[in-house]
């Protein structure tokens, strides 16, 4: 099985999720450091759709200026554009496999798609 993780190495939850993926037999992991290689608005829209959540639910509030910018109440297109322009606004980690996408907070949510 292939798994892609949108990863922040400075985040403990992201590191723990990556460890679960790496320790699971048969999982080939692709790591995307999203702060260096931000996903497009289109890719984000697909990820959140496949995760069954809105982009607003994937918005990182802690440590960002999302609330000051009014993003929690903004429309989907505005949130996706803001996330694509400033990937610090993404809550992490997102993991995609052939079984779906999960925002892995807590990290054990990754088991739902393995």
N, C-alpha and C. Protein backbone atom coordinates (compact mmCIF):
# COMPACT_ATOMS: atom_id res chain seq x y z
N UNK A 1 0.84 -1.18 0.00
CA UNK A 1 0.00 0.00 0.00
C UNK A 1 0.89 1.24 0.00
N UNK A 2 0.45 2.24 -0.76
CA UNK A 2 1.16 3.52 -0.78
C UNK A 2 0.47 4.48 0.17
N UNK A 3 1.28 5.28 0.87
CA UNK A 3 0.75 6.30 1.77
C UNK A 3 1.56 7.58 1.57
N UNK A 4 0.87 8.69 1.49
CA UNK A 4 1.52 10.00 1.41
C UNK A 4 1.15 10.77 2.66
N UNK A 5 2.17 11.31 3.33
CA UNK A 5 1.95 12.12 4.51
C UNK A 5 2.43 13.54 4.23
N UNK A 6 1.55 14.50 4.50
CA UNK A 6 1.93 15.92 4.47
C UNK A 6 2.42 16.22 5.87
N UNK A 7 3.72 16.36 5.99
CA UNK A 7 4.46 16.25 7.24
C UNK A 7 5.17 17.54 7.62
N UNK A 8 5.18 17.80 8.93
CA UNK A 8 6.00 18.87 9.51
C UNK A 8 6.91 18.20 10.52
N UNK A 9 8.22 18.10 10.25
CA UNK A 9 9.13 17.41 11.16
C UNK A 9 9.23 18.06 12.54
N UNK A 10 8.79 19.30 12.68
CA UNK A 10 8.84 19.97 13.98
C UNK A 10 7.62 19.62 14.85
N UNK A 11 6.66 18.89 14.29
CA UNK A 11 5.41 18.57 15.00
C UNK A 11 5.47 17.15 15.55
N UNK A 12 5.28 17.01 16.85
CA UNK A 12 5.31 15.70 17.50
C UNK A 12 4.26 14.75 16.96
N UNK A 13 3.05 15.22 16.75
CA UNK A 13 1.98 14.37 16.23
C UNK A 13 2.33 13.90 14.82
N UNK A 14 2.89 14.78 14.03
CA UNK A 14 3.28 14.41 12.68
C UNK A 14 4.41 13.38 12.70
N UNK A 15 5.38 13.55 13.58
CA UNK A 15 6.46 12.57 13.71
C UNK A 15 5.93 11.22 14.16
N UNK A 16 5.00 11.21 15.11
CA UNK A 16 4.43 9.95 15.60
C UNK A 16 3.62 9.25 14.50
N UNK A 17 2.89 10.02 13.70
CA UNK A 17 2.12 9.45 12.60
C UNK A 17 3.06 8.85 11.56
N UNK A 18 4.13 9.56 11.24
CA UNK A 18 5.11 9.05 10.29
C UNK A 18 5.73 7.75 10.82
N UNK A 19 6.02 7.69 12.10
CA UNK A 19 6.58 6.47 12.69
C UNK A 19 5.62 5.29 12.53
N UNK A 20 4.33 5.52 12.75
CA UNK A 20 3.34 4.46 12.56
C UNK A 20 3.37 3.96 11.12
N UNK A 21 3.40 4.88 10.18
CA UNK A 21 3.43 4.50 8.77
C UNK A 21 4.69 3.69 8.45
N UNK A 22 5.83 4.15 8.93
CA UNK A 22 7.10 3.48 8.63
C UNK A 22 7.18 2.11 9.29
N UNK A 23 6.51 1.93 10.41
CA UNK A 23 6.56 0.66 11.14
C UNK A 23 5.50 -0.35 10.67
N UNK A 24 4.59 0.08 9.80
CA UNK A 24 3.53 -0.80 9.32
C UNK A 24 4.03 -1.58 8.11
N UNK A 25 4.07 -2.90 8.22
CA UNK A 25 4.55 -3.72 7.10
C UNK A 25 3.72 -3.49 5.84
N UNK A 26 4.41 -3.41 4.70
CA UNK A 26 3.73 -3.29 3.42
C UNK A 26 3.33 -1.88 3.03
N UNK A 27 3.71 -0.89 3.83
CA UNK A 27 3.35 0.50 3.51
C UNK A 27 4.58 1.21 2.94
N UNK A 28 4.43 1.71 1.72
CA UNK A 28 5.47 2.52 1.08
C UNK A 28 5.10 3.98 1.30
N UNK A 29 5.93 4.69 2.05
CA UNK A 29 5.59 6.05 2.48
C UNK A 29 6.29 7.10 1.61
N UNK A 30 5.51 8.06 1.17
CA UNK A 30 6.04 9.26 0.54
C UNK A 30 5.83 10.40 1.53
N UNK A 31 6.91 11.09 1.86
CA UNK A 31 6.85 12.19 2.81
C UNK A 31 6.93 13.51 2.04
N UNK A 32 5.93 14.36 2.25
CA UNK A 32 5.92 15.68 1.65
C UNK A 32 6.02 16.69 2.80
N UNK A 33 7.13 17.38 2.88
CA UNK A 33 7.26 18.44 3.88
C UNK A 33 6.51 19.65 3.33
N UNK A 34 5.27 19.80 3.76
CA UNK A 34 4.37 20.77 3.14
C UNK A 34 4.80 22.22 3.36
N UNK A 35 5.64 22.49 4.36
CA UNK A 35 6.13 23.87 4.52
C UNK A 35 7.13 24.22 3.42
N UNK A 36 7.82 23.21 2.89
CA UNK A 36 8.77 23.41 1.79
C UNK A 36 8.12 23.22 0.43
N UNK A 37 7.12 22.33 0.37
CA UNK A 37 6.44 21.98 -0.88
C UNK A 37 4.93 22.04 -0.66
N UNK A 38 4.38 23.25 -0.60
CA UNK A 38 2.94 23.37 -0.29
C UNK A 38 2.04 22.77 -1.37
N UNK A 39 0.97 22.10 -0.94
CA UNK A 39 0.01 21.59 -1.92
C UNK A 39 -0.78 22.74 -2.53
N UNK A 40 -1.26 22.50 -3.73
CA UNK A 40 -2.10 23.50 -4.41
C UNK A 40 -3.47 23.56 -3.76
N UNK A 41 -4.20 24.60 -4.06
CA UNK A 41 -5.58 24.72 -3.57
C UNK A 41 -6.41 23.55 -4.09
N UNK A 42 -6.16 23.12 -5.33
CA UNK A 42 -6.90 22.00 -5.91
C UNK A 42 -6.60 20.71 -5.16
N UNK A 43 -5.33 20.46 -4.85
CA UNK A 43 -4.96 19.25 -4.11
C UNK A 43 -5.57 19.29 -2.71
N UNK A 44 -5.53 20.43 -2.06
CA UNK A 44 -6.13 20.56 -0.73
C UNK A 44 -7.63 20.29 -0.78
N UNK A 45 -8.30 20.83 -1.79
CA UNK A 45 -9.75 20.60 -1.92
C UNK A 45 -10.03 19.11 -2.04
N UNK A 46 -9.21 18.39 -2.83
CA UNK A 46 -9.38 16.94 -2.98
C UNK A 46 -9.12 16.21 -1.67
N UNK A 47 -8.06 16.59 -0.98
CA UNK A 47 -7.72 15.93 0.29
C UNK A 47 -8.85 16.10 1.30
N UNK A 48 -9.34 17.31 1.47
CA UNK A 48 -10.40 17.54 2.46
C UNK A 48 -11.70 16.87 2.05
N UNK A 49 -12.00 16.88 0.76
CA UNK A 49 -13.20 16.19 0.27
C UNK A 49 -13.09 14.69 0.58
N UNK A 50 -11.93 14.10 0.27
CA UNK A 50 -11.74 12.67 0.51
C UNK A 50 -11.70 12.33 2.00
N UNK A 51 -11.35 13.30 2.83
CA UNK A 51 -11.34 13.09 4.28
C UNK A 51 -12.73 13.30 4.88
N UNK A 52 -13.67 13.82 4.07
CA UNK A 52 -15.02 14.07 4.58
C UNK A 52 -15.08 15.26 5.51
N UNK A 53 -14.24 16.25 5.24
CA UNK A 53 -14.22 17.44 6.09
C UNK A 53 -14.11 18.69 5.22
N UNK A 54 -14.38 19.81 5.82
CA UNK A 54 -14.26 21.08 5.11
C UNK A 54 -12.85 21.63 5.29
N UNK A 55 -12.43 22.48 4.37
CA UNK A 55 -11.14 23.13 4.57
C UNK A 55 -11.09 23.93 5.88
N UNK A 56 -12.21 24.49 6.28
CA UNK A 56 -12.25 25.23 7.54
C UNK A 56 -11.91 24.31 8.72
N UNK A 57 -12.33 23.04 8.65
CA UNK A 57 -12.01 22.09 9.71
C UNK A 57 -10.54 21.70 9.69
N UNK A 58 -9.87 21.90 8.57
CA UNK A 58 -8.44 21.59 8.45
C UNK A 58 -7.55 22.78 8.66
N UNK A 59 -8.14 23.88 9.09
CA UNK A 59 -7.41 25.13 9.30
C UNK A 59 -6.70 25.12 10.65
N UNK A 60 -5.42 25.41 10.63
CA UNK A 60 -4.65 25.47 11.87
C UNK A 60 -4.83 26.86 12.47
N UNK A 61 -5.33 26.90 13.69
CA UNK A 61 -5.55 28.17 14.38
C UNK A 61 -4.38 28.51 15.30
N UNK A 62 -3.90 27.49 16.01
CA UNK A 62 -2.82 27.73 16.98
C UNK A 62 -1.53 28.09 16.25
N UNK A 63 -0.92 29.20 16.67
CA UNK A 63 0.35 29.61 16.10
C UNK A 63 0.25 30.26 14.73
N UNK A 64 -0.98 30.60 14.31
CA UNK A 64 -1.16 31.27 13.02
C UNK A 64 -2.01 32.52 13.22
N UNK A 65 -2.14 33.28 12.15
CA UNK A 65 -2.99 34.47 12.18
C UNK A 65 -4.34 34.21 11.52
N UNK A 66 -4.75 32.94 11.47
CA UNK A 66 -5.99 32.57 10.78
C UNK A 66 -7.21 33.30 11.35
N UNK A 67 -7.29 33.36 12.68
CA UNK A 67 -8.45 34.03 13.29
C UNK A 67 -8.45 35.52 13.00
N UNK A 68 -7.29 36.15 13.10
CA UNK A 68 -7.20 37.59 12.82
C UNK A 68 -7.59 37.89 11.38
N UNK A 69 -7.33 36.96 10.50
CA UNK A 69 -7.67 37.14 9.09
C UNK A 69 -9.11 36.75 8.78
N UNK A 70 -9.84 36.26 9.78
CA UNK A 70 -11.24 35.89 9.58
C UNK A 70 -11.43 34.60 8.81
N UNK A 71 -10.40 33.77 8.74
CA UNK A 71 -10.49 32.56 7.93
C UNK A 71 -11.46 31.51 8.46
N UNK A 72 -11.65 31.35 9.78
CA UNK A 72 -12.61 30.33 10.22
C UNK A 72 -14.03 30.56 9.70
N UNK A 73 -14.37 31.80 9.43
CA UNK A 73 -15.71 32.13 8.93
C UNK A 73 -15.72 32.41 7.43
N UNK A 74 -14.57 32.30 6.78
CA UNK A 74 -14.46 32.62 5.36
C UNK A 74 -15.01 31.48 4.51
N UNK A 75 -15.23 31.77 3.26
CA UNK A 75 -15.70 30.76 2.32
C UNK A 75 -14.60 29.78 1.96
N UNK A 76 -15.03 28.67 1.40
CA UNK A 76 -14.11 27.59 1.07
C UNK A 76 -12.99 28.04 0.14
N UNK A 77 -13.32 28.73 -0.92
CA UNK A 77 -12.30 29.17 -1.89
C UNK A 77 -11.27 30.07 -1.24
N UNK A 78 -11.72 30.97 -0.36
CA UNK A 78 -10.79 31.88 0.32
C UNK A 78 -9.87 31.11 1.26
N UNK A 79 -10.41 30.13 1.98
CA UNK A 79 -9.60 29.33 2.90
C UNK A 79 -8.58 28.51 2.12
N UNK A 80 -9.00 27.87 1.05
CA UNK A 80 -8.08 27.07 0.25
C UNK A 80 -6.97 27.94 -0.35
N UNK A 81 -7.33 29.12 -0.84
CA UNK A 81 -6.32 30.02 -1.40
C UNK A 81 -5.32 30.46 -0.34
N UNK A 82 -5.83 30.76 0.86
CA UNK A 82 -4.94 31.17 1.95
C UNK A 82 -4.00 30.05 2.35
N UNK A 83 -4.54 28.82 2.42
CA UNK A 83 -3.70 27.66 2.77
C UNK A 83 -2.63 27.40 1.71
N UNK A 84 -3.01 27.52 0.44
CA UNK A 84 -2.05 27.28 -0.64
C UNK A 84 -0.95 28.35 -0.63
N UNK A 85 -1.32 29.58 -0.25
CA UNK A 85 -0.34 30.67 -0.21
C UNK A 85 0.53 30.63 1.04
N UNK A 86 -0.01 30.09 2.14
CA UNK A 86 0.72 30.03 3.42
C UNK A 86 0.43 28.69 4.07
N UNK A 87 1.29 27.71 3.80
CA UNK A 87 1.02 26.35 4.25
C UNK A 87 1.11 26.18 5.77
N UNK A 88 1.54 27.20 6.50
CA UNK A 88 1.50 27.12 7.96
C UNK A 88 0.06 27.05 8.46
N UNK A 89 -0.90 27.38 7.59
CA UNK A 89 -2.31 27.36 7.96
C UNK A 89 -2.93 25.96 7.93
N UNK A 90 -2.18 24.96 7.46
CA UNK A 90 -2.68 23.59 7.41
C UNK A 90 -2.50 22.90 8.75
N UNK A 91 -3.58 22.32 9.26
CA UNK A 91 -3.45 21.45 10.44
C UNK A 91 -2.81 20.17 9.94
N UNK A 92 -1.97 19.59 10.75
CA UNK A 92 -1.21 18.42 10.31
C UNK A 92 -1.27 17.31 11.32
N UNK A 93 -0.90 16.12 10.82
CA UNK A 93 -0.56 15.74 9.45
C UNK A 93 -1.76 15.19 8.69
N UNK A 94 -1.76 15.40 7.41
CA UNK A 94 -2.73 14.76 6.53
C UNK A 94 -2.07 13.53 5.93
N UNK A 95 -2.79 12.42 5.88
CA UNK A 95 -2.28 11.18 5.29
C UNK A 95 -3.30 10.69 4.27
N UNK A 96 -2.79 10.31 3.09
CA UNK A 96 -3.63 9.79 2.01
C UNK A 96 -3.16 8.39 1.64
N UNK A 97 -4.10 7.46 1.59
CA UNK A 97 -3.84 6.11 1.07
C UNK A 97 -4.97 5.77 0.11
N UNK A 98 -4.92 4.58 -0.47
CA UNK A 98 -5.99 4.16 -1.37
C UNK A 98 -7.31 3.99 -0.63
N UNK A 99 -7.26 3.92 0.70
CA UNK A 99 -8.48 3.76 1.51
C UNK A 99 -9.08 5.09 1.94
N UNK A 100 -8.41 6.20 1.66
CA UNK A 100 -8.95 7.50 2.01
C UNK A 100 -7.90 8.45 2.56
N UNK A 101 -8.40 9.52 3.14
CA UNK A 101 -7.55 10.59 3.70
C UNK A 101 -8.00 10.83 5.13
N UNK A 102 -7.05 11.07 6.01
CA UNK A 102 -7.36 11.44 7.39
C UNK A 102 -6.44 12.56 7.84
N UNK A 103 -7.02 13.47 8.62
CA UNK A 103 -6.23 14.41 9.41
C UNK A 103 -5.92 13.64 10.69
N UNK A 104 -4.68 13.29 10.87
CA UNK A 104 -4.30 12.33 11.92
C UNK A 104 -3.99 13.02 13.24
N UNK A 105 -5.01 13.58 13.82
CA UNK A 105 -4.95 14.17 15.16
C UNK A 105 -6.08 13.54 15.95
N UNK A 106 -5.81 12.60 16.81
CA UNK A 106 -4.51 12.09 17.21
C UNK A 106 -3.94 11.16 16.15
N UNK A 107 -2.68 10.82 16.33
CA UNK A 107 -1.95 10.04 15.32
C UNK A 107 -2.57 8.68 15.05
N UNK A 108 -3.28 8.10 16.00
CA UNK A 108 -3.88 6.78 15.82
C UNK A 108 -4.96 6.76 14.74
N UNK A 109 -5.46 7.94 14.32
CA UNK A 109 -6.47 7.98 13.26
C UNK A 109 -5.94 7.42 11.95
N UNK A 110 -4.60 7.37 11.82
CA UNK A 110 -4.02 6.84 10.59
C UNK A 110 -4.40 5.37 10.39
N UNK A 111 -4.65 4.65 11.46
CA UNK A 111 -5.01 3.23 11.35
C UNK A 111 -6.32 3.03 10.58
N UNK A 112 -7.17 4.05 10.54
CA UNK A 112 -8.45 3.95 9.83
C UNK A 112 -8.26 3.78 8.32
N UNK A 113 -7.11 4.18 7.80
CA UNK A 113 -6.89 4.13 6.35
C UNK A 113 -5.72 3.23 5.97
N UNK A 114 -5.31 2.38 6.89
CA UNK A 114 -4.24 1.42 6.59
C UNK A 114 -4.81 0.03 6.37
